[in-house]
């Protein structure tokens, strides 16, 4: 039998919208505007800190209400396997 916290977590998870649902609800224009608005700032932040011109993984953004709500980092991702360069020119 499931404990109360397990049942509550399952209920919350099933009620939470998926990222695909949020993006679809925002529409293509809004998603494009978010990406365009944040691209330069995110790149600048990564280049002056975490990456220091060396790709170190993959970051996945979660968008909620038109804003970045969460960043999930896959630090072991080998981006060269996907055709990405081994370094980034500033």
N, C-alpha and C. Protein backbone atom coordinates (compact mmCIF):
# COMPACT_ATOMS: atom_id res chain seq x y z
N UNK A 1 0.84 -1.19 0.00
CA UNK A 1 0.00 0.00 0.00
C UNK A 1 0.89 1.25 0.00
N UNK A 2 0.51 2.26 -0.78
CA UNK A 2 1.28 3.50 -0.87
C UNK A 2 1.09 4.35 0.37
N UNK A 3 2.16 5.02 0.75
CA UNK A 3 2.07 5.95 1.87
C UNK A 3 1.40 7.24 1.40
N UNK A 4 0.97 8.05 2.35
CA UNK A 4 0.32 9.32 2.00
C UNK A 4 1.22 10.22 1.18
N UNK A 5 2.53 10.37 1.53
CA UNK A 5 3.39 11.22 0.69
C UNK A 5 3.54 10.69 -0.74
N UNK A 6 3.60 9.37 -0.90
CA UNK A 6 3.70 8.80 -2.25
C UNK A 6 2.44 9.10 -3.05
N UNK A 7 1.28 8.97 -2.42
CA UNK A 7 0.02 9.26 -3.12
C UNK A 7 -0.06 10.74 -3.47
N UNK A 8 0.38 11.60 -2.55
CA UNK A 8 0.34 13.05 -2.80
C UNK A 8 1.27 13.41 -3.95
N UNK A 9 2.48 12.84 -3.96
CA UNK A 9 3.44 13.13 -5.04
C UNK A 9 2.86 12.69 -6.38
N UNK A 10 2.23 11.53 -6.42
CA UNK A 10 1.65 11.03 -7.66
C UNK A 10 0.54 11.96 -8.14
N UNK A 11 -0.28 12.46 -7.21
CA UNK A 11 -1.37 13.37 -7.57
C UNK A 11 -0.82 14.69 -8.10
N UNK A 12 0.23 15.21 -7.47
CA UNK A 12 0.83 16.47 -7.91
C UNK A 12 1.47 16.30 -9.27
N UNK A 13 2.24 15.22 -9.45
CA UNK A 13 2.90 14.97 -10.72
C UNK A 13 1.91 14.83 -11.87
N UNK A 14 0.80 14.19 -11.61
CA UNK A 14 -0.18 13.99 -12.68
C UNK A 14 -0.90 15.28 -13.02
N UNK A 15 -0.95 16.24 -12.09
CA UNK A 15 -1.64 17.50 -12.33
C UNK A 15 -0.73 18.55 -12.95
N UNK A 16 0.58 18.37 -12.84
CA UNK A 16 1.53 19.36 -13.34
C UNK A 16 1.57 19.32 -14.86
N UNK A 17 1.57 20.50 -15.50
CA UNK A 17 1.65 20.51 -16.96
C UNK A 17 3.03 20.09 -17.43
N UNK A 18 3.08 19.46 -18.57
CA UNK A 18 4.37 19.08 -19.14
C UNK A 18 4.98 20.30 -19.83
N UNK A 19 6.27 20.24 -20.09
CA UNK A 19 6.93 21.35 -20.77
C UNK A 19 6.33 21.52 -22.17
N UNK A 20 6.01 20.42 -22.83
CA UNK A 20 5.42 20.50 -24.16
C UNK A 20 4.07 21.22 -24.12
N UNK A 21 3.29 20.96 -23.08
CA UNK A 21 1.99 21.62 -22.95
C UNK A 21 2.17 23.12 -22.75
N UNK A 22 3.11 23.49 -21.90
CA UNK A 22 3.36 24.91 -21.63
C UNK A 22 3.81 25.61 -22.91
N UNK A 23 4.76 24.99 -23.64
CA UNK A 23 5.24 25.60 -24.88
C UNK A 23 4.13 25.72 -25.91
N UNK A 24 3.30 24.71 -26.03
CA UNK A 24 2.18 24.76 -26.98
C UNK A 24 1.20 25.86 -26.60
N UNK A 25 0.92 25.99 -25.30
CA UNK A 25 0.00 27.03 -24.84
C UNK A 25 0.55 28.44 -25.07
N UNK A 26 1.86 28.59 -24.94
CA UNK A 26 2.47 29.90 -25.17
C UNK A 26 2.39 30.30 -26.64
N UNK A 27 2.54 29.33 -27.52
CA UNK A 27 2.53 29.61 -28.96
C UNK A 27 3.93 29.88 -29.48
N UNK A 28 4.09 29.68 -30.78
CA UNK A 28 5.41 29.80 -31.41
C UNK A 28 6.02 31.19 -31.27
N UNK A 29 5.20 32.24 -31.43
CA UNK A 29 5.74 33.60 -31.34
C UNK A 29 6.29 33.90 -29.96
N UNK A 30 5.56 33.52 -28.91
CA UNK A 30 6.00 33.79 -27.54
C UNK A 30 7.27 33.00 -27.21
N UNK A 31 7.33 31.74 -27.62
CA UNK A 31 8.52 30.92 -27.36
C UNK A 31 9.71 31.52 -28.09
N UNK A 32 9.53 31.93 -29.34
CA UNK A 32 10.60 32.54 -30.10
C UNK A 32 11.09 33.83 -29.43
N UNK A 33 10.17 34.62 -28.93
CA UNK A 33 10.55 35.87 -28.24
C UNK A 33 11.35 35.58 -26.98
N UNK A 34 10.97 34.56 -26.23
CA UNK A 34 11.69 34.19 -25.01
C UNK A 34 13.11 33.77 -25.35
N UNK A 35 13.24 32.93 -26.36
CA UNK A 35 14.56 32.43 -26.75
C UNK A 35 15.43 33.58 -27.25
N UNK A 36 14.87 34.43 -28.09
CA UNK A 36 15.61 35.56 -28.64
C UNK A 36 16.04 36.51 -27.52
N UNK A 37 15.13 36.80 -26.60
CA UNK A 37 15.40 37.74 -25.51
C UNK A 37 16.49 37.21 -24.59
N UNK A 38 16.54 35.87 -24.34
CA UNK A 38 17.48 35.34 -23.37
C UNK A 38 18.77 34.83 -23.93
N UNK A 39 18.87 34.66 -25.25
CA UNK A 39 20.02 34.00 -25.86
C UNK A 39 21.34 34.69 -25.54
N UNK A 40 21.42 35.99 -25.77
CA UNK A 40 22.68 36.71 -25.55
C UNK A 40 23.10 36.71 -24.08
N UNK A 41 22.13 36.91 -23.19
CA UNK A 41 22.45 36.94 -21.77
C UNK A 41 22.93 35.57 -21.27
N UNK A 42 22.27 34.52 -21.72
CA UNK A 42 22.65 33.17 -21.29
C UNK A 42 24.04 32.83 -21.84
N UNK A 43 24.28 33.14 -23.09
CA UNK A 43 25.60 32.86 -23.69
C UNK A 43 26.70 33.62 -22.95
N UNK A 44 26.46 34.91 -22.67
CA UNK A 44 27.46 35.72 -21.97
C UNK A 44 27.74 35.15 -20.58
N UNK A 45 26.70 34.76 -19.87
CA UNK A 45 26.88 34.18 -18.54
C UNK A 45 27.71 32.90 -18.62
N UNK A 46 27.38 32.02 -19.54
CA UNK A 46 28.09 30.75 -19.66
C UNK A 46 29.55 30.96 -20.04
N UNK A 47 29.81 31.90 -20.93
CA UNK A 47 31.18 32.11 -21.39
C UNK A 47 32.08 32.75 -20.32
N UNK A 48 31.50 33.58 -19.45
CA UNK A 48 32.35 34.23 -18.45
C UNK A 48 32.44 33.42 -17.17
N UNK A 49 31.71 32.31 -17.09
CA UNK A 49 31.75 31.54 -15.86
C UNK A 49 31.84 30.05 -16.09
N UNK A 50 30.70 29.37 -16.10
CA UNK A 50 30.70 27.91 -16.09
C UNK A 50 31.44 27.25 -17.25
N UNK A 51 31.35 27.79 -18.43
CA UNK A 51 31.97 27.11 -19.57
C UNK A 51 33.40 27.56 -19.84
N UNK A 52 33.69 28.81 -19.60
CA UNK A 52 35.00 29.37 -19.89
C UNK A 52 35.50 28.91 -21.26
N UNK A 53 34.63 29.00 -22.23
CA UNK A 53 34.90 28.66 -23.64
C UNK A 53 35.06 27.17 -23.90
N UNK A 54 34.75 26.32 -22.96
CA UNK A 54 34.79 24.88 -23.18
C UNK A 54 33.42 24.30 -22.84
N UNK A 55 32.71 23.76 -23.84
CA UNK A 55 31.40 23.18 -23.53
C UNK A 55 31.54 22.10 -22.46
N UNK A 56 30.70 22.19 -21.43
CA UNK A 56 30.82 21.25 -20.33
C UNK A 56 29.58 20.43 -20.11
N UNK A 57 28.66 20.45 -21.01
CA UNK A 57 27.44 19.69 -20.82
C UNK A 57 26.30 20.32 -21.58
N UNK A 58 25.12 19.92 -21.22
CA UNK A 58 23.91 20.38 -21.89
C UNK A 58 22.95 20.94 -20.86
N UNK A 59 22.43 22.13 -21.09
CA UNK A 59 21.44 22.73 -20.21
C UNK A 59 20.09 22.74 -20.88
N UNK A 60 19.08 22.26 -20.17
CA UNK A 60 17.72 22.23 -20.69
C UNK A 60 16.88 23.22 -19.88
N UNK A 61 16.28 24.18 -20.57
CA UNK A 61 15.47 25.19 -19.91
C UNK A 61 14.02 24.75 -19.81
N UNK A 62 13.41 24.98 -18.65
CA UNK A 62 11.97 24.76 -18.47
C UNK A 62 11.31 26.12 -18.43
N UNK A 63 10.34 26.34 -19.32
CA UNK A 63 9.67 27.63 -19.44
C UNK A 63 8.29 27.54 -18.78
N UNK A 64 7.99 28.51 -17.90
CA UNK A 64 6.66 28.60 -17.28
C UNK A 64 6.23 30.06 -17.30
N UNK A 65 5.03 30.30 -17.73
CA UNK A 65 4.47 31.65 -17.76
C UNK A 65 5.38 32.63 -18.49
N UNK A 66 6.02 32.16 -19.54
CA UNK A 66 6.85 33.03 -20.35
C UNK A 66 8.23 33.32 -19.78
N UNK A 67 8.62 32.61 -18.71
CA UNK A 67 9.92 32.84 -18.08
C UNK A 67 10.64 31.52 -17.86
N UNK A 68 11.97 31.59 -17.79
CA UNK A 68 12.74 30.40 -17.48
C UNK A 68 12.49 30.06 -16.02
N UNK A 69 11.91 28.89 -15.78
CA UNK A 69 11.56 28.48 -14.41
C UNK A 69 12.59 27.52 -13.83
N UNK A 70 13.31 26.82 -14.69
CA UNK A 70 14.26 25.83 -14.19
C UNK A 70 15.29 25.56 -15.28
N UNK A 71 16.49 25.25 -14.85
CA UNK A 71 17.55 24.83 -15.77
C UNK A 71 18.06 23.49 -15.27
N UNK A 72 17.96 22.47 -16.12
CA UNK A 72 18.47 21.14 -15.78
C UNK A 72 19.77 20.96 -16.55
N UNK A 73 20.84 20.64 -15.83
CA UNK A 73 22.16 20.51 -16.45
C UNK A 73 22.56 19.05 -16.54
N UNK A 74 22.99 18.66 -17.72
CA UNK A 74 23.57 17.34 -17.95
C UNK A 74 25.07 17.58 -18.16
N UNK A 75 25.83 17.52 -17.09
CA UNK A 75 27.23 17.93 -17.11
C UNK A 75 28.14 16.97 -17.85
N UNK A 76 27.71 15.74 -18.04
CA UNK A 76 28.54 14.74 -18.71
C UNK A 76 28.24 14.60 -20.20
N UNK A 77 27.38 15.44 -20.72
CA UNK A 77 26.99 15.31 -22.13
C UNK A 77 28.19 15.59 -23.04
N UNK A 78 28.44 14.70 -23.98
CA UNK A 78 29.50 14.87 -24.96
C UNK A 78 28.87 15.48 -26.21
N UNK A 79 28.94 16.80 -26.30
CA UNK A 79 28.26 17.50 -27.39
C UNK A 79 28.91 17.28 -28.75
N UNK A 80 30.16 16.86 -28.78
CA UNK A 80 30.79 16.59 -30.08
C UNK A 80 30.13 15.42 -30.78
N UNK A 81 29.49 14.55 -30.03
CA UNK A 81 28.76 13.42 -30.63
C UNK A 81 27.57 13.91 -31.45
N UNK A 82 27.13 15.15 -31.18
CA UNK A 82 25.99 15.72 -31.89
C UNK A 82 26.42 16.79 -32.89
N UNK A 83 27.73 16.76 -33.25
CA UNK A 83 28.21 17.69 -34.23
C UNK A 83 28.56 19.06 -33.71
N UNK A 84 28.59 19.25 -32.40
CA UNK A 84 28.93 20.54 -31.82
C UNK A 84 30.44 20.65 -31.68
N UNK A 85 30.97 21.86 -31.71
CA UNK A 85 32.43 22.04 -31.63
C UNK A 85 32.96 21.74 -30.22
N UNK A 86 34.24 21.37 -30.12
CA UNK A 86 34.83 21.08 -28.81
C UNK A 86 35.09 22.34 -27.99
N UNK A 87 35.05 23.53 -28.61
CA UNK A 87 35.20 24.77 -27.86
C UNK A 87 34.32 25.85 -28.50
N UNK A 88 34.07 26.91 -27.75
CA UNK A 88 33.22 28.01 -28.21
C UNK A 88 34.08 29.26 -28.32
N UNK A 89 34.02 29.93 -29.45
CA UNK A 89 34.76 31.19 -29.60
C UNK A 89 33.94 32.33 -29.02
N UNK A 90 34.54 33.14 -28.15
CA UNK A 90 33.78 34.27 -27.55
C UNK A 90 33.42 35.33 -28.55
